[in-house]
Amino acid sequence: MSTTRAYRTRKRPQRSQQTRERITDAVRELLAEGTFHESTVEEVADRAGIARATLYQHFGSRLELVDAICDTFDANPALLALRESVQLPDADAALAETIANAAGFWSSEDQILSQLYDVAAIDPAAQDLVERQRADRRSEIERLANRLRSAGRLRARMTERQAVALLMVLTSYDTYRELREAGLARGKITKTLQDTARKLLLA
């Protein structure tokens, strides 16, 4: 009996995780189709192939569903690389790589993010995600600006606060999307942002 109970204890969390992944996959599909903001929790459950009650065992609201999508972003290789690039020994390389990884992240999640950013003004769940992303990015950008100042790489009379403001613009999704909609490929977007950052920020 004890062996059977132990087996069930091990399997239950695995099934629970698989169910959560089915739900987040369903949310991603709806976002990619541009219909998530119009979808009900019941429609998300149908897309995931589970009962509504099962979905509510994992997520109690639309806000929590979008929160789960934000959690999946944390495992994105480009975002992980961005957090590491801020700490590169060479400050100039840290600047270039941080911008490249920011553009890489926006590019890899563009289909999902475009939907969330478009409805942020009317969807509290999407607005919360956008604000969380901005706060997380600012934290990394502040570290980068501090590195540039400490290394003596900022232009004369350029304050650390001004550097943060400029970097927030250069690494924002809105800036990435404007350049993408202007017809620039990802590589060209990255180079344009890197060149602009060097001209505006570096001594």
C-alpha atoms as a PDB file:
ATOM      1  CA  MET A   1       0.000   0.000   0.000  1.00  0.00           C
ATOM      2  CA  SER A   2       2.705   2.459   0.880  1.00  0.00           C
ATOM      3  CA  THR A   3       4.375   1.892  -2.494  1.00  0.00           C
ATOM      4  CA  THR A   4       1.115   2.629  -4.331  1.00  0.00           C
ATOM      5  CA  ARG A   5       0.559   5.844  -2.400  1.00  0.00           C
ATOM      6  CA  ALA A   6       4.095   7.005  -3.103  1.00  0.00           C
ATOM      7  CA  TYR A   7       3.611   6.317  -6.815  1.00  0.00           C
ATOM      8  CA  ARG A   8       0.420   8.342  -6.930  1.00  0.00           C
ATOM      9  CA  THR A   9       2.061  11.207  -5.054  1.00  0.00           C
ATOM     10  CA  ARG A  10       4.809  11.368  -7.633  1.00  0.00           C
ATOM     11  CA  LYS A  11       2.447  11.254 -10.604  1.00  0.00           C
ATOM     12  CA  ARG A  12      -0.075  13.817  -9.438  1.00  0.00           C
ATOM     13  CA  PRO A  13       2.239  16.862  -9.681  1.00  0.00           C
ATOM     14  CA  GLN A  14       3.324  15.718 -13.150  1.00  0.00           C
ATOM     15  CA  ARG A  15      -0.283  15.518 -14.334  1.00  0.00           C
ATOM     16  CA  SER A  16      -0.948  18.911 -12.766  1.00  0.00           C
ATOM     17  CA  GLN A  17       1.992  20.449 -14.619  1.00  0.00           C
ATOM     18  CA  GLN A  18       0.872  18.892 -17.891  1.00  0.00           C
ATOM     19  CA  THR A  19      -2.594  20.377 -17.406  1.00  0.00           C
ATOM     20  CA  ARG A  20      -1.121  23.830 -16.737  1.00  0.00           C
ATOM     21  CA  GLU A  21       0.940  23.545 -19.899  1.00  0.00           C
ATOM     22  CA  ARG A  22      -2.145  22.604 -21.927  1.00  0.00           C
ATOM     23  CA  ILE A  23      -3.900  25.671 -20.563  1.00  0.00           C
ATOM     24  CA  THR A  24      -1.023  28.049 -21.289  1.00  0.00           C
ATOM     25  CA  ASP A  25      -0.665  26.526 -24.759  1.00  0.00           C
ATOM     26  CA  ALA A  26      -4.353  27.245 -25.334  1.00  0.00           C
ATOM     27  CA  VAL A  27      -3.910  30.855 -24.219  1.00  0.00           C
ATOM     28  CA  ARG A  28      -0.938  31.247 -26.550  1.00  0.00           C
ATOM     29  CA  GLU A  29      -2.961  29.852 -29.465  1.00  0.00           C
ATOM     30  CA  LEU A  30      -5.812  32.268 -28.797  1.00  0.00           C
ATOM     31  CA  LEU A  31      -3.389  35.169 -28.514  1.00  0.00           C
ATOM     32  CA  ALA A  32      -1.705  34.194 -31.780  1.00  0.00           C
ATOM     33  CA  GLU A  33      -5.122  34.116 -33.428  1.00  0.00           C
ATOM     34  CA  GLY A  34      -5.959  37.531 -31.990  1.00  0.00           C
ATOM     35  CA  THR A  35      -9.032  36.282 -30.140  1.00  0.00           C
ATOM     36  CA  PHE A  36      -7.902  35.892 -26.535  1.00  0.00           C
ATOM     37  CA  HIS A  37      -9.198  39.279 -25.387  1.00  0.00           C
ATOM     38  CA  GLU A  38     -12.660  38.247 -26.612  1.00  0.00           C
ATOM     39  CA  SER A  39     -12.494  34.713 -25.216  1.00  0.00           C
ATOM     40  CA  THR A  40     -14.124  33.548 -22.009  1.00  0.00           C
ATOM     41  CA  VAL A  41     -12.478  31.291 -19.463  1.00  0.00           C
ATOM     42  CA  GLU A  42     -14.813  28.560 -20.681  1.00  0.00           C
ATOM     43  CA  GLU A  43     -13.493  28.950 -24.235  1.00  0.00           C
ATOM     44  CA  VAL A  44      -9.935  28.661 -22.964  1.00  0.00           C
ATOM     45  CA  ALA A  45     -10.903  25.443 -21.158  1.00  0.00           C
ATOM     46  CA  ASP A  46     -12.492  24.069 -24.337  1.00  0.00           C
ATOM     47  CA  ARG A  47      -9.370  24.879 -26.337  1.00  0.00           C
ATOM     48  CA  ALA A  48      -7.232  23.123 -23.716  1.00  0.00           C
ATOM     49  CA  GLY A  49      -9.542  20.099 -23.791  1.00  0.00           C
ATOM     50  CA  ILE A  50     -10.369  20.241 -20.105  1.00  0.00           C
ATOM     51  CA  ALA A  51     -13.391  20.988 -17.946  1.00  0.00           C
ATOM     52  CA  ARG A  52     -13.981  24.539 -16.770  1.00  0.00           C
ATOM     53  CA  ALA A  53     -13.704  23.361 -13.149  1.00  0.00           C
ATOM     54  CA  THR A  54     -10.274  21.924 -13.909  1.00  0.00           C
ATOM     55  CA  LEU A  55      -9.083  25.218 -15.325  1.00  0.00           C
ATOM     56  CA  TYR A  56     -10.285  27.040 -12.221  1.00  0.00           C
ATOM     57  CA  GLN A  57      -8.249  24.655 -10.089  1.00  0.00           C
ATOM     58  CA  HIS A  58      -5.159  26.127 -11.706  1.00  0.00           C
ATOM     59  CA  PHE A  59      -6.169  29.682 -12.614  1.00  0.00           C
ATOM     60  CA  GLY A  60      -8.859  31.700 -10.940  1.00  0.00           C
ATOM     61  CA  SER A  61      -9.153  34.505 -13.483  1.00  0.00           C
ATOM     62  CA  ARG A  62      -8.063  35.896 -16.847  1.00  0.00           C
ATOM     63  CA  LEU A  63      -5.411  37.885 -14.968  1.00  0.00           C
ATOM     64  CA  GLU A  64      -3.872  34.660 -13.703  1.00  0.00           C
ATOM     65  CA  LEU A  65      -3.972  33.183 -17.202  1.00  0.00           C
ATOM     66  CA  VAL A  66      -1.980  36.099 -18.596  1.00  0.00           C
ATOM     67  CA  ASP A  67       0.290  35.897 -15.562  1.00  0.00           C
ATOM     68  CA  ALA A  68       1.089  32.341 -16.606  1.00  0.00           C
ATOM     69  CA  ILE A  69       2.081  33.560 -20.065  1.00  0.00           C
ATOM     70  CA  CYS A  70       4.401  36.070 -18.422  1.00  0.00           C
ATOM     71  CA  ASP A  71       5.963  33.184 -16.511  1.00  0.00           C
ATOM     72  CA  THR A  72       6.637  31.351 -19.784  1.00  0.00           C
ATOM     73  CA  PHE A  73       8.541  34.409 -21.006  1.00  0.00           C
ATOM     74  CA  ASP A  74      10.968  33.973 -18.121  1.00  0.00           C
ATOM     75  CA  ALA A  75      12.257  30.791 -19.760  1.00  0.00           C
ATOM     76  CA  ASN A  76      12.816  32.458 -23.142  1.00  0.00           C
ATOM     77  CA  PRO A  77      16.516  32.047 -24.084  1.00  0.00           C
ATOM     78  CA  ALA A  78      16.781  35.638 -25.335  1.00  0.00           C
ATOM     79  CA  LEU A  79      15.472  37.010 -22.037  1.00  0.00           C
ATOM     80  CA  LEU A  80      17.812  34.798 -20.043  1.00  0.00           C
ATOM     81  CA  ALA A  81      20.696  35.955 -22.230  1.00  0.00           C
ATOM     82  CA  LEU A  82      19.703  39.599 -21.723  1.00  0.00           C
ATOM     83  CA  ARG A  83      20.012  39.264 -17.960  1.00  0.00           C
ATOM     84  CA  GLU A  84      23.470  37.756 -18.386  1.00  0.00           C
ATOM     85  CA  SER A  85      24.655  40.263 -21.000  1.00  0.00           C
ATOM     86  CA  VAL A  86      24.228  43.164 -18.575  1.00  0.00           C
ATOM     87  CA  GLN A  87      27.059  41.638 -16.536  1.00  0.00           C
ATOM     88  CA  LEU A  88      29.568  41.193 -19.374  1.00  0.00           C
ATOM     89  CA  PRO A  89      33.047  42.394 -18.296  1.00  0.00           C
ATOM     90  CA  ASP A  90      33.312  44.829 -21.206  1.00  0.00           C
ATOM     91  CA  ALA A  91      30.768  47.637 -20.808  1.00  0.00           C
ATOM     92  CA  ASP A  92      30.543  48.312 -24.555  1.00  0.00           C
ATOM     93  CA  ALA A  93      29.854  44.631 -25.226  1.00  0.00           C
ATOM     94  CA  ALA A  94      27.264  44.647 -22.443  1.00  0.00           C
ATOM     95  CA  LEU A  95      25.438  47.507 -24.176  1.00  0.00           C
ATOM     96  CA  ALA A  96      25.523  45.868 -27.609  1.00  0.00           C
ATOM     97  CA  GLU A  97      24.476  42.437 -26.362  1.00  0.00           C
ATOM     98  CA  THR A  98      21.695  43.755 -24.134  1.00  0.00           C
ATOM     99  CA  ILE A  99      20.141  45.563 -27.098  1.00  0.00           C
ATOM    100  CA  ALA A 100      20.584  42.503 -29.331  1.00  0.00           C
ATOM    101  CA  ASN A 101      18.933  40.223 -26.776  1.00  0.00           C
ATOM    102  CA  ALA A 102      16.078  42.657 -26.216  1.00  0.00           C
ATOM    103  CA  ALA A 103      15.386  42.684 -29.951  1.00  0.00           C
ATOM    104  CA  GLY A 104      15.714  38.898 -30.010  1.00  0.00           C
ATOM    105  CA  PHE A 105      13.146  38.532 -27.257  1.00  0.00           C
ATOM    106  CA  TRP A 106      10.644  40.869 -28.917  1.00  0.00           C
ATOM    107  CA  SER A 107      11.124  39.036 -32.209  1.00  0.00           C
ATOM    108  CA  SER A 108      10.625  35.576 -30.714  1.00  0.00           C
ATOM    109  CA  GLU A 109       7.432  36.575 -28.879  1.00  0.00           C
ATOM    110  CA  ASP A 110       6.157  39.140 -31.381  1.00  0.00           C
ATOM    111  CA  GLN A 111       3.021  37.221 -32.367  1.00  0.00           C
ATOM    112  CA  ILE A 112       1.906  36.952 -28.742  1.00  0.00           C
ATOM    113  CA  LEU A 113       3.043  40.359 -27.537  1.00  0.00           C
ATOM    114  CA  SER A 114       1.418  42.265 -30.391  1.00  0.00           C
ATOM    115  CA  GLN A 115      -1.977  41.056 -29.213  1.00  0.00           C
ATOM    116  CA  LEU A 116      -1.344  41.830 -25.543  1.00  0.00           C
ATOM    117  CA  TYR A 117       0.069  45.295 -26.193  1.00  0.00           C
ATOM    118  CA  ASP A 118      -2.776  46.156 -28.573  1.00  0.00           C
ATOM    119  CA  VAL A 119      -5.453  45.482 -25.951  1.00  0.00           C
ATOM    120  CA  ALA A 120      -3.547  46.710 -22.875  1.00  0.00           C
ATOM    121  CA  ALA A 121      -5.634  49.887 -22.737  1.00  0.00           C
ATOM    122  CA  ILE A 122      -8.887  47.944 -22.359  1.00  0.00           C
ATOM    123  CA  ASP A 123      -7.812  44.622 -20.842  1.00  0.00           C
ATOM    124  CA  PRO A 124      -6.571  44.817 -17.214  1.00  0.00           C
ATOM    125  CA  ALA A 125      -4.830  41.450 -17.539  1.00  0.00           C
ATOM    126  CA  ALA A 126      -2.835  42.580 -20.583  1.00  0.00           C
ATOM    127  CA  GLN A 127      -2.097  45.935 -18.970  1.00  0.00           C
ATOM    128  CA  ASP A 128      -0.717  44.178 -15.893  1.00  0.00           C
ATOM    129  CA  LEU A 129       1.594  42.060 -18.052  1.00  0.00           C
ATOM    130  CA  VAL A 130       2.871  45.088 -19.958  1.00  0.00           C
ATOM    131  CA  GLU A 131       3.585  46.949 -16.720  1.00  0.00           C
ATOM    132  CA  ARG A 132       5.349  43.933 -15.211  1.00  0.00           C
ATOM    133  CA  GLN A 133       7.515  43.565 -18.298  1.00  0.00           C
ATOM    134  CA  ARG A 134       8.403  47.239 -18.236  1.00  0.00           C
ATOM    135  CA  ALA A 135       9.367  47.083 -14.553  1.00  0.00           C
ATOM    136  CA  ASP A 136      11.511  43.987 -15.109  1.00  0.00           C
ATOM    137  CA  ARG A 137      13.238  45.580 -18.096  1.00  0.00           C
ATOM    138  CA  ARG A 138      13.872  48.806 -16.195  1.00  0.00           C
ATOM    139  CA  SER A 139      15.593  46.830 -13.459  1.00  0.00           C
ATOM    140  CA  GLU A 140      18.033  45.345 -15.981  1.00  0.00           C
ATOM    141  CA  ILE A 141      18.496  48.651 -17.807  1.00  0.00           C
ATOM    142  CA  GLU A 142      19.336  50.436 -14.556  1.00  0.00           C
ATOM    143  CA  ARG A 143      22.052  47.870 -13.922  1.00  0.00           C
ATOM    144  CA  LEU A 144      23.420  48.424 -17.423  1.00  0.00           C
ATOM    145  CA  ALA A 145      23.405  52.222 -17.084  1.00  0.00           C
ATOM    146  CA  ASN A 146      25.234  51.901 -13.786  1.00  0.00           C
ATOM    147  CA  ARG A 147      27.867  49.692 -15.455  1.00  0.00           C
ATOM    148  CA  LEU A 148      28.353  52.233 -18.236  1.00  0.00           C
ATOM    149  CA  ARG A 149      28.735  55.092 -15.770  1.00  0.00           C
ATOM    150  CA  SER A 150      31.103  53.149 -13.521  1.00  0.00           C
ATOM    151  CA  ALA A 151      33.241  52.255 -16.532  1.00  0.00           C
ATOM    152  CA  GLY A 152      33.401  55.917 -17.580  1.00  0.00           C
ATOM    153  CA  ARG A 153      31.703  55.162 -20.897  1.00  0.00           C
ATOM    154  CA  LEU A 154      28.825  57.646 -20.758  1.00  0.00           C
ATOM    155  CA  ARG A 155      29.082  60.860 -22.761  1.00  0.00           C
ATOM    156  CA  ALA A 156      30.030  64.060 -20.964  1.00  0.00           C
ATOM    157  CA  ARG A 157      27.109  65.540 -19.041  1.00  0.00           C
ATOM    158  CA  MET A 158      25.048  62.372 -19.682  1.00  0.00           C
ATOM    159  CA  THR A 159      23.557  61.352 -16.344  1.00  0.00           C
ATOM    160  CA  GLU A 160      22.789  57.800 -15.380  1.00  0.00           C
ATOM    161  CA  ARG A 161      19.107  58.709 -15.204  1.00  0.00           C
ATOM    162  CA  GLN A 162      19.179  60.067 -18.753  1.00  0.00           C
ATOM    163  CA  ALA A 163      20.942  56.912 -19.911  1.00  0.00           C
ATOM    164  CA  VAL A 164      18.209  54.772 -18.373  1.00  0.00           C
ATOM    165  CA  ALA A 165      15.503  56.814 -20.130  1.00  0.00           C
ATOM    166  CA  LEU A 166      17.200  56.492 -23.532  1.00  0.00           C
ATOM    167  CA  LEU A 167      17.843  52.777 -23.090  1.00  0.00           C
ATOM    168  CA  MET A 168      14.248  52.165 -22.082  1.00  0.00           C
ATOM    169  CA  VAL A 169      13.161  53.718 -25.387  1.00  0.00           C
ATOM    170  CA  LEU A 170      15.731  51.808 -27.442  1.00  0.00           C
ATOM    171  CA  THR A 171      14.880  48.443 -25.865  1.00  0.00           C
ATOM    172  CA  SER A 172      11.099  48.847 -25.800  1.00  0.00           C
ATOM    173  CA  TYR A 173       8.667  46.664 -27.699  1.00  0.00           C
ATOM    174  CA  ASP A 174       7.056  49.756 -29.203  1.00  0.00           C
ATOM    175  CA  THR A 175      10.387  50.825 -30.722  1.00  0.00           C
ATOM    176  CA  TYR A 176      11.053  47.321 -32.012  1.00  0.00           C
ATOM    177  CA  ARG A 177       7.589  47.164 -33.578  1.00  0.00           C
ATOM    178  CA  GLU A 178       7.905  50.581 -35.235  1.00  0.00           C
ATOM    179  CA  LEU A 179      11.136  49.482 -36.920  1.00  0.00           C
ATOM    180  CA  ARG A 180       9.696  46.109 -37.874  1.00  0.00           C
ATOM    181  CA  GLU A 181       6.618  47.762 -39.406  1.00  0.00           C
ATOM    182  CA  ALA A 182       8.961  50.070 -41.333  1.00  0.00           C
ATOM    183  CA  GLY A 183      10.182  46.954 -43.097  1.00  0.00           C
ATOM    184  CA  LEU A 184      13.434  46.319 -41.239  1.00  0.00           C
ATOM    185  CA  ALA A 185      14.508  42.721 -40.641  1.00  0.00           C
ATOM    186  CA  ARG A 186      15.543  41.678 -37.158  1.00  0.00           C
ATOM    187  CA  GLY A 187      19.270  41.934 -37.908  1.00  0.00           C
ATOM    188  CA  LYS A 188      18.851  45.449 -39.282  1.00  0.00           C
ATOM    189  CA  ILE A 189      16.707  46.441 -36.309  1.00  0.00           C
ATOM    190  CA  THR A 190      19.399  45.241 -33.928  1.00  0.00           C
ATOM    191  CA  LYS A 191      22.180  47.086 -35.747  1.00  0.00           C
ATOM    192  CA  THR A 192      20.132  50.288 -35.973  1.00  0.00           C
ATOM    193  CA  LEU A 193      19.431  50.235 -32.243  1.00  0.00           C
ATOM    194  CA  GLN A 194      23.020  49.392 -31.352  1.00  0.00           C
ATOM    195  CA  ASP A 195      24.400  52.189 -33.553  1.00  0.00           C
ATOM    196  CA  THR A 196      21.899  54.666 -32.104  1.00  0.00           C
ATOM    197  CA  ALA A 197      22.765  53.653 -28.556  1.00  0.00           C
ATOM    198  CA  ARG A 198      26.494  54.109 -29.156  1.00  0.00           C
ATOM    199  CA  LYS A 199      25.984  57.551 -30.731  1.00  0.00           C
ATOM    200  CA  LEU A 200      23.650  58.807 -28.022  1.00  0.00           C
ATOM    201  CA  LEU A 201      25.249  57.269 -24.949  1.00  0.00           C
ATOM    202  CA  LEU A 202      28.935  56.498 -25.305  1.00  0.00           C
ATOM    203  CA  ALA A 203      31.860  58.850 -24.942  1.00  0.00           C
END
